[in-house]
Amino acid sequence: MSDDLLEWRKQFSALDDCVHLISHSLGCIPDRAEEYMAQFLELWRTRSITAWDEWLPEVDRAAGRIERLLSAPKGTVIMHTNVSIVQSILASCFDYPEERNKIVYSDLNFPTVSYVWKAEERRGARVHLVKSADGVTVDTEALCDAIDEQTALVPISHVIFVSGYIQDAKAICRKAQSVGAHVVLDCYQSLGTIPVDIVDIGASFACGGSVKYLCGGPGAAYLYVRDDLIETFEPRVTGWFGNESPFAFTMPEQSYAENIWRYMGGTPAVAALYQARAGAEILNEIGATRIREKSLRQTQRIIDRVDELKFELNSPREPARRGGSVAFDFVGAADIARELNRRKFFCDYRPGAGVRVAPHFYTRDEEIDLFFEELLNVRG
């Protein structure tokens, strides 16, 4: 089959000696990343303190690349280092009066998100956990039913990390808005592999990072704040770059910036933004629609092999509810995944889900077949 997206594979020489089906966990490094990291180091070497004249604007440039991927308005994204920090900043924006202290999310959230919001119970929050019936999906009706007038926040995953299930985020946002609650949408498993229009979805906040489908490595997370909410909140988790005039060094109280920078904390980790630039550029150049079309075709190819081998499928079959990854399980899966990684057939294993694999725009069809052949060789 003709696959014009494989033209982009030429920019990923790391793919030459492996089968990389792990983009849901760690995207492949683009060759351009080395060039951009060299730019950062050269600025540091040759310009010393004046390198900040280039480094600080890179924060906004990096945010702009994410805004395009999210279909978000200009000036609604700020960069951070990881989602745990982003969620903590958002948590620090809220108090929890008895009449509105409920936080609703499912037991399939990524654990770091739950850790942050469960810790808010020390400050008066009350977490309501919606249980998944099958460990794969989240019942949208059950989640919406749990959101009521006492709900302050609904921190949920757009795509469930263990199964690749796409939640009906728009319906959940609609219910939250009807009772005055705010949705925090974790797009880590969606952005870069499915089209995202965060304005249409209606989330108050969104977050994610560079590690996975964005092919940026660790360290370049993002926070989106709906434009009409930017000046509404004053995060307690803050720092000097959240100030309206950071280089005025005013004391003692914080005077928040009147733009998205009020959600910035301390000194930004600029090197990670240079590192992540190439992946975000490439994804914007390709476009999410083309990536999604290929992803659906290749994840179906994976499901067909799973069915053929009579493994247990732990991901949605329905294309409209299937993200970029497929999870499947069988006896001994954890040990086999470990050996596959040793042989550079990259995948991962998660308890309760099994082996997780994810093709991306640079994946060849035959690599999926090679992966399963190698799995069977290891299995014996």
Protein backbone atom coordinates (compact mmCIF):
# COMPACT_ATOMS: atom_id res chain seq x y z
CA MET A 1 0.00 0.00 0.00
CA SER A 2 1.24 3.48 -0.85
CA ASP A 3 2.04 5.47 2.30
CA ASP A 4 3.19 9.03 1.67
CA LEU A 5 3.73 9.69 5.38
CA LEU A 6 6.78 7.41 5.23
CA GLU A 7 8.58 10.32 3.55
CA TRP A 8 8.88 11.75 7.05
CA ARG A 9 10.61 8.59 8.23
CA LYS A 10 13.78 9.86 6.55
CA GLN A 11 14.04 12.39 9.39
CA PHE A 12 14.16 9.63 12.03
CA SER A 13 17.40 7.72 11.53
CA ALA A 14 16.97 6.10 14.96
CA LEU A 15 14.32 3.89 13.30
CA ASP A 16 16.94 2.23 11.09
CA ASP A 17 17.92 -0.46 13.60
CA CYS A 18 14.75 -1.12 15.61
CA VAL A 19 11.01 -1.69 15.42
CA HIS A 20 9.56 1.25 17.34
CA LEU A 21 5.98 0.57 18.46
CA ILE A 22 6.29 2.55 21.68
CA SER A 23 5.24 6.06 20.63
CA HIS A 24 2.44 6.03 23.22
CA SER A 25 5.21 6.03 25.84
CA LEU A 26 8.28 7.52 24.14
CA GLY A 27 8.20 8.97 20.65
CA CYS A 28 11.18 8.42 18.38
CA ILE A 29 13.80 11.17 18.31
CA PRO A 30 13.81 13.32 15.14
CA ASP A 31 17.24 13.98 13.64
CA ARG A 32 16.46 17.71 13.78
CA ALA A 33 16.45 17.56 17.58
CA GLU A 34 20.24 17.29 17.63
CA GLU A 35 20.54 20.43 15.52
CA TYR A 36 18.20 22.38 17.79
CA MET A 37 19.95 21.21 20.94
CA ALA A 38 23.23 22.33 19.39
CA GLN A 39 21.67 25.79 18.88
CA PHE A 40 20.81 25.96 22.57
CA LEU A 41 24.34 24.96 23.58
CA GLU A 42 25.92 27.38 21.13
CA LEU A 43 23.87 30.25 22.53
CA TRP A 44 24.98 29.30 26.03
CA ARG A 45 28.62 29.01 24.95
CA THR A 46 28.87 32.20 22.91
CA ARG A 47 26.40 34.58 24.53
CA SER A 48 26.48 33.69 28.23
CA ILE A 49 23.82 35.68 30.13
CA THR A 50 22.61 37.40 26.97
CA ALA A 51 21.44 34.02 25.67
CA TRP A 52 18.26 34.71 27.64
CA ASP A 53 17.33 37.22 24.94
CA GLU A 54 16.74 34.17 22.71
CA TRP A 55 15.83 31.61 25.37
CA LEU A 56 12.84 33.40 26.88
CA PRO A 57 11.10 33.99 23.53
CA GLU A 58 11.48 30.26 22.89
CA VAL A 59 8.95 29.65 25.68
CA ASP A 60 6.30 31.51 23.69
CA ARG A 61 7.42 29.94 20.42
CA ALA A 62 7.11 26.46 21.95
CA ALA A 63 3.68 27.36 23.33
CA GLY A 64 2.65 28.57 19.88
CA ARG A 65 3.48 25.20 18.35
CA ILE A 66 1.29 23.49 20.95
CA GLU A 67 -1.51 26.02 20.40
CA ARG A 68 -1.60 25.03 16.73
CA LEU A 69 -1.79 21.34 17.61
CA LEU A 70 -4.61 22.03 20.10
CA SER A 71 -6.42 24.44 17.71
CA ALA A 72 -6.19 26.88 20.62
CA PRO A 73 -6.14 30.69 20.48
CA LYS A 74 -2.81 32.47 20.64
CA GLY A 75 -1.71 33.26 24.17
CA THR A 76 -3.57 30.41 25.91
CA VAL A 77 -0.66 27.97 26.44
CA ILE A 78 2.35 28.14 28.73
CA MET A 79 5.18 25.60 28.93
CA HIS A 80 6.26 23.60 31.99
CA THR A 81 8.34 20.50 32.66
CA ASN A 82 5.76 17.79 33.40
CA VAL A 83 2.06 17.16 33.95
CA SER A 84 2.46 16.66 37.70
CA ILE A 85 3.66 20.26 38.01
CA VAL A 86 0.88 21.51 35.73
CA GLN A 87 -1.83 19.73 37.72
CA SER A 88 -0.33 21.01 40.98
CA ILE A 89 -0.42 24.59 39.68
CA LEU A 90 -4.07 24.18 38.74
CA ALA A 91 -4.91 22.59 42.10
CA SER A 92 -3.36 25.57 43.82
CA CYS A 93 -5.84 27.88 42.05
CA PHE A 94 -8.79 26.49 44.01
CA ASP A 95 -10.23 26.48 47.51
CA TYR A 96 -12.77 23.90 48.59
CA PRO A 97 -15.75 25.32 50.46
CA GLU A 98 -18.15 22.66 51.70
CA GLU A 99 -20.75 23.60 49.10
CA ARG A 100 -18.29 23.01 46.20
CA ASN A 101 -15.48 20.69 47.19
CA LYS A 102 -16.03 17.64 44.98
CA ILE A 103 -13.44 16.41 42.47
CA VAL A 104 -14.64 13.78 39.99
CA TYR A 105 -12.53 11.45 37.87
CA SER A 106 -12.26 7.78 36.93
CA ASP A 107 -10.05 5.03 38.30
CA LEU A 108 -8.43 4.79 34.84
CA ASN A 109 -6.75 8.18 35.16
CA PHE A 110 -2.98 8.20 34.96
CA PRO A 111 -1.77 7.74 38.58
CA THR A 112 0.18 11.02 38.81
CA VAL A 113 -3.05 12.96 38.24
CA SER A 114 -4.81 11.08 41.02
CA TYR A 115 -1.89 11.64 43.40
CA VAL A 116 -2.16 15.40 42.95
CA TRP A 117 -5.92 15.60 43.45
CA LYS A 118 -6.12 13.10 46.32
CA ALA A 119 -3.57 15.27 48.11
CA GLU A 120 -6.05 18.14 47.85
CA GLU A 121 -8.23 16.29 50.36
CA ARG A 122 -5.83 17.68 52.97
CA ARG A 123 -7.17 21.13 52.05
CA GLY A 124 -10.84 20.17 52.14
CA ALA A 125 -11.44 18.58 48.74
CA ARG A 126 -13.49 15.42 48.40
CA VAL A 127 -12.50 13.01 45.62
CA HIS A 128 -15.26 10.98 43.97
CA LEU A 129 -13.84 8.06 41.98
CA VAL A 130 -15.93 6.64 39.13
CA LYS A 131 -15.04 2.97 38.64
CA SER A 132 -14.58 1.40 35.23
CA ALA A 133 -16.66 -1.75 34.76
CA ASP A 134 -14.17 -3.43 32.42
CA GLY A 135 -10.76 -1.79 32.95
CA VAL A 136 -10.86 -0.54 29.34
CA THR A 137 -13.64 2.06 29.07
CA VAL A 138 -15.23 4.74 31.24
CA ASP A 139 -19.02 4.98 31.28
CA THR A 140 -19.71 8.55 30.12
CA GLU A 141 -23.18 8.56 31.68
CA ALA A 142 -21.86 7.38 35.05
CA LEU A 143 -19.13 10.03 35.02
CA CYS A 144 -21.58 12.77 34.05
CA ASP A 145 -24.04 11.63 36.71
CA ALA A 146 -21.31 12.08 39.33
CA ILE A 147 -20.79 15.72 38.29
CA ASP A 148 -23.19 17.91 40.28
CA GLU A 149 -23.51 21.37 41.81
CA GLN A 150 -20.97 20.46 44.49
CA THR A 151 -18.33 19.61 41.87
CA ALA A 152 -15.41 21.98 41.49
CA LEU A 153 -13.15 20.06 39.11
CA VAL A 154 -13.18 17.10 36.74
CA PRO A 155 -9.57 16.12 35.89
CA ILE A 156 -9.86 13.42 33.20
CA SER A 157 -7.82 11.80 30.44
CA HIS A 158 -8.86 12.47 26.86
CA VAL A 159 -7.52 9.02 25.95
CA ILE A 160 -7.10 6.36 28.66
CA PHE A 161 -3.43 5.41 28.93
CA VAL A 162 -3.88 1.68 29.64
CA SER A 163 -6.38 0.93 26.89
CA GLY A 164 -6.37 3.73 24.32
CA TYR A 165 -10.08 4.41 24.91
CA ILE A 166 -11.20 7.88 23.79
CA GLN A 167 -13.50 9.47 26.34
CA ASP A 168 -16.43 11.63 25.24
CA ALA A 169 -14.69 14.73 26.56
CA LYS A 170 -17.13 17.10 24.89
CA ALA A 171 -20.13 15.56 26.65
CA ILE A 172 -18.29 15.60 29.98
CA CYS A 173 -17.33 19.26 29.50
CA ARG A 174 -20.90 20.13 28.62
CA LYS A 175 -22.18 18.55 31.86
CA ALA A 176 -19.45 20.22 33.91
CA GLN A 177 -20.22 23.65 32.48
CA SER A 178 -23.93 23.22 33.21
CA VAL A 179 -23.19 22.98 36.96
CA GLY A 180 -20.31 25.46 37.11
CA ALA A 181 -17.47 22.91 37.31
CA HIS A 182 -14.17 22.96 35.41
CA VAL A 183 -12.73 20.11 33.33
CA VAL A 184 -8.96 19.59 33.31
CA LEU A 185 -8.33 17.52 30.17
CA ASP A 186 -5.13 15.47 30.04
CA CYS A 187 -4.26 15.22 26.33
CA TYR A 188 -1.01 13.29 26.74
CA GLN A 189 -2.37 10.22 24.93
CA SER A 190 -4.32 12.14 22.30
CA LEU A 191 -2.36 15.15 21.03
CA GLY A 192 -0.21 14.10 18.11
CA THR A 193 -2.19 11.04 17.12
CA ILE A 194 -5.82 12.27 16.93
CA PRO A 195 -7.16 15.70 15.95
CA VAL A 196 -7.85 17.91 18.98
CA ASP A 197 -9.92 21.10 18.95
CA ILE A 198 -9.77 22.17 22.56
CA VAL A 199 -12.12 25.12 22.06
CA ASP A 200 -14.79 22.90 20.51
CA ILE A 201 -14.34 20.31 23.29
CA GLY A 202 -14.95 23.04 25.84
CA ALA A 203 -12.42 22.19 28.54
CA SER A 204 -11.45 24.92 30.99
CA PHE A 205 -7.88 23.60 31.14
CA ALA A 206 -5.79 21.08 29.22
CA CYS A 207 -2.33 19.64 29.64
CA GLY A 208 0.10 17.11 28.25
CA GLY A 209 3.70 16.87 27.25
CA SER A 210 6.39 16.13 24.73
CA VAL A 211 7.42 12.60 25.68
CA LYS A 212 5.01 10.51 23.64
CA TYR A 213 3.39 11.16 20.25
CA LEU A 214 4.95 14.63 20.07
CA CYS A 215 8.41 13.04 19.69
CA GLY A 216 10.04 15.63 21.93
CA GLY A 217 11.54 13.63 24.77
CA PRO A 218 10.94 14.50 28.44
CA GLY A 219 10.75 18.00 29.84
CA ALA A 220 8.38 20.08 27.68
CA ALA A 221 4.91 19.87 29.17
CA TYR A 222 2.17 22.37 28.44
CA LEU A 223 -0.79 23.99 30.16
CA TYR A 224 -3.76 25.42 28.25
CA VAL A 225 -6.14 27.82 30.01
CA ARG A 226 -9.38 28.88 28.32
CA ASP A 227 -8.87 32.49 27.30
CA ASP A 228 -11.74 33.92 29.36
CA LEU A 229 -10.38 32.23 32.50
CA ILE A 230 -6.74 33.30 32.30
CA GLU A 231 -7.07 36.29 34.65
CA THR A 232 -9.61 34.57 36.92
CA PHE A 233 -7.17 32.51 38.99
CA GLU A 234 -4.12 33.23 41.14
CA PRO A 235 -2.15 29.99 41.61
CA ARG A 236 -0.52 29.49 44.97
CA VAL A 237 2.12 27.35 43.27
CA THR A 238 3.91 30.22 41.59
CA GLY A 239 7.29 31.81 41.01
CA TRP A 240 9.08 34.86 39.75
CA PHE A 241 8.23 34.28 36.09
CA GLY A 242 4.54 34.39 37.01
CA ASN A 243 5.04 38.02 38.04
CA GLU A 244 3.88 40.96 35.94
CA SER A 245 7.49 42.31 36.00
CA PRO A 246 9.83 39.49 36.99
CA PHE A 247 12.98 41.55 36.57
CA ALA A 248 11.67 44.29 38.84
CA PHE A 249 12.23 41.86 41.76
CA THR A 250 9.34 43.27 43.78
CA MET A 251 8.63 41.92 47.27
CA PRO A 252 6.93 40.45 49.21
CA GLU A 253 3.58 39.63 47.52
CA GLN A 254 3.14 38.16 44.07
CA SER A 255 1.77 40.56 41.45
CA TYR A 256 0.46 38.20 38.79
CA ALA A 257 1.03 38.73 35.08
CA GLU A 258 -2.14 39.66 33.22
CA ASN A 259 -1.58 36.96 30.60
CA ILE A 260 -0.90 33.23 30.45
CA TRP A 261 2.50 33.77 32.09
CA ARG A 262 0.75 34.10 35.46
CA TYR A 263 0.66 30.27 35.38
CA MET A 264 4.44 30.08 34.99
CA GLY A 265 6.47 29.31 38.10
CA GLY A 266 10.21 29.61 38.34
CA THR A 267 12.90 29.68 35.70
CA PRO A 268 11.77 27.75 32.58
CA ALA A 269 13.67 24.63 31.48
CA VAL A 270 14.66 26.08 28.12
CA ALA A 271 16.85 23.21 26.90
CA ALA A 272 13.84 20.88 26.84
CA LEU A 273 11.98 23.33 24.61
CA TYR A 274 14.78 23.25 22.03
CA GLN A 275 14.84 19.46 22.32
CA ALA A 276 11.06 19.22 21.74
CA ARG A 277 10.90 21.75 18.88
CA ALA A 278 11.50 19.32 16.01
CA GLY A 279 8.74 16.89 16.92
CA ALA A 280 6.10 19.61 17.30
CA GLU A 281 7.18 21.22 14.02
CA ILE A 282 6.90 17.94 12.13
CA LEU A 283 3.47 17.14 13.54
CA ASN A 284 2.19 20.58 12.58
CA GLU A 285 3.62 20.14 9.08
CA ILE A 286 1.91 16.76 8.60
CA GLY A 287 -1.41 17.56 10.27
CA ALA A 288 -3.41 15.47 12.72
CA THR A 289 -6.02 14.28 10.21
CA ARG A 290 -3.47 12.41 8.09
CA ILE A 291 -1.83 10.92 11.15
CA ARG A 292 -5.19 9.76 12.47
CA GLU A 293 -6.14 8.06 9.21
CA LYS A 294 -2.94 6.06 9.19
CA SER A 295 -3.19 5.28 12.90
CA LEU A 296 -6.67 3.81 12.53
CA ARG A 297 -5.55 1.63 9.65
CA GLN A 298 -2.47 0.34 11.45
CA THR A 299 -4.15 -0.18 14.84
CA GLN A 300 -6.77 -2.26 13.01
CA ARG A 301 -3.93 -4.30 11.51
CA ILE A 302 -2.67 -4.92 15.03
CA ILE A 303 -6.13 -5.92 16.26
CA ASP A 304 -6.46 -8.36 13.36
CA ARG A 305 -3.21 -10.06 14.45
CA VAL A 306 -4.34 -10.11 18.10
CA ASP A 307 -7.58 -11.83 17.05
CA GLU A 308 -5.73 -14.26 14.82
CA LEU A 309 -3.49 -15.26 17.74
CA LYS A 310 -6.46 -15.41 20.13
CA PHE A 311 -4.90 -12.97 22.58
CA GLU A 312 -7.11 -10.94 24.91
CA LEU A 313 -7.80 -7.50 23.44
CA ASN A 314 -7.91 -4.73 26.05
CA SER A 315 -8.56 -1.80 23.72
CA PRO A 316 -11.69 -0.60 21.91
CA ARG A 317 -12.56 -2.18 18.57
CA GLU A 318 -14.73 0.77 17.54
CA PRO A 319 -12.54 3.17 15.53
CA ALA A 320 -14.27 6.29 16.89
CA ARG A 321 -13.38 5.25 20.44
CA ARG A 322 -9.86 3.94 19.73
CA GLY A 323 -6.84 6.15 20.27
CA GLY A 324 -3.35 5.52 18.93
CA SER A 325 -2.40 2.47 20.99
CA VAL A 326 -3.57 -1.14 21.31
CA ALA A 327 -3.28 -3.26 24.47
CA PHE A 328 -3.47 -7.04 24.49
CA ASP A 329 -2.63 -9.74 27.00
CA PHE A 330 -1.66 -13.40 27.19
CA VAL A 331 0.10 -15.68 29.65
CA GLY A 332 3.71 -14.58 30.18
CA ALA A 333 3.21 -11.25 28.43
CA ALA A 334 5.34 -9.23 30.87
CA ASP A 335 8.43 -11.42 30.39
CA ILE A 336 7.99 -11.49 26.62
CA ALA A 337 7.67 -7.71 26.43
CA ARG A 338 10.91 -7.41 28.40
CA GLU A 339 12.71 -9.68 25.96
CA LEU A 340 11.24 -7.90 22.93
CA ASN A 341 12.66 -4.64 24.24
CA ARG A 342 16.05 -6.28 24.70
CA ARG A 343 15.88 -7.27 21.03
CA LYS A 344 14.91 -3.69 20.07
CA PHE A 345 11.31 -4.50 19.21
CA PHE A 346 10.11 -1.71 21.44
CA CYS A 347 6.80 -2.00 23.34
CA ASP A 348 5.76 -1.95 26.98
CA TYR A 349 3.67 -3.90 29.48
CA ARG A 350 1.15 -2.52 31.98
CA PRO A 351 -0.56 -4.61 34.68
CA GLY A 352 -4.22 -5.14 33.88
CA ALA A 353 -3.70 -4.15 30.26
CA GLY A 354 -0.90 -6.34 28.95
CA VAL A 355 1.43 -5.47 26.09
CA ARG A 356 0.85 -1.98 24.68
CA VAL A 357 1.93 -1.04 21.18
CA ALA A 358 1.40 2.08 19.08
CA PRO A 359 2.34 2.77 15.49
CA HIS A 360 2.91 6.37 14.42
CA PHE A 361 3.18 8.26 11.14
CA TYR A 362 6.70 6.85 10.59
CA THR A 363 5.72 3.17 11.07
CA ARG A 364 5.87 0.75 8.13
CA ASP A 365 3.08 -1.82 7.82
CA GLU A 366 5.62 -4.63 7.64
CA GLU A 367 7.06 -3.59 11.01
CA ILE A 368 3.79 -4.60 12.63
CA ASP A 369 4.12 -8.03 11.04
CA LEU A 370 7.77 -8.26 12.07
CA PHE A 371 6.83 -7.41 15.64
CA PHE A 372 4.32 -10.24 15.91
CA GLU A 373 6.70 -12.68 14.23
CA GLU A 374 9.36 -11.81 16.80
CA LEU A 375 6.81 -12.10 19.64
CA LEU A 376 6.00 -15.63 18.50
CA ASN A 377 9.70 -16.45 18.24
CA VAL A 378 10.23 -15.33 21.82
CA ARG A 379 7.13 -17.16 22.98
CA GLY A 380 8.36 -20.39 21.40
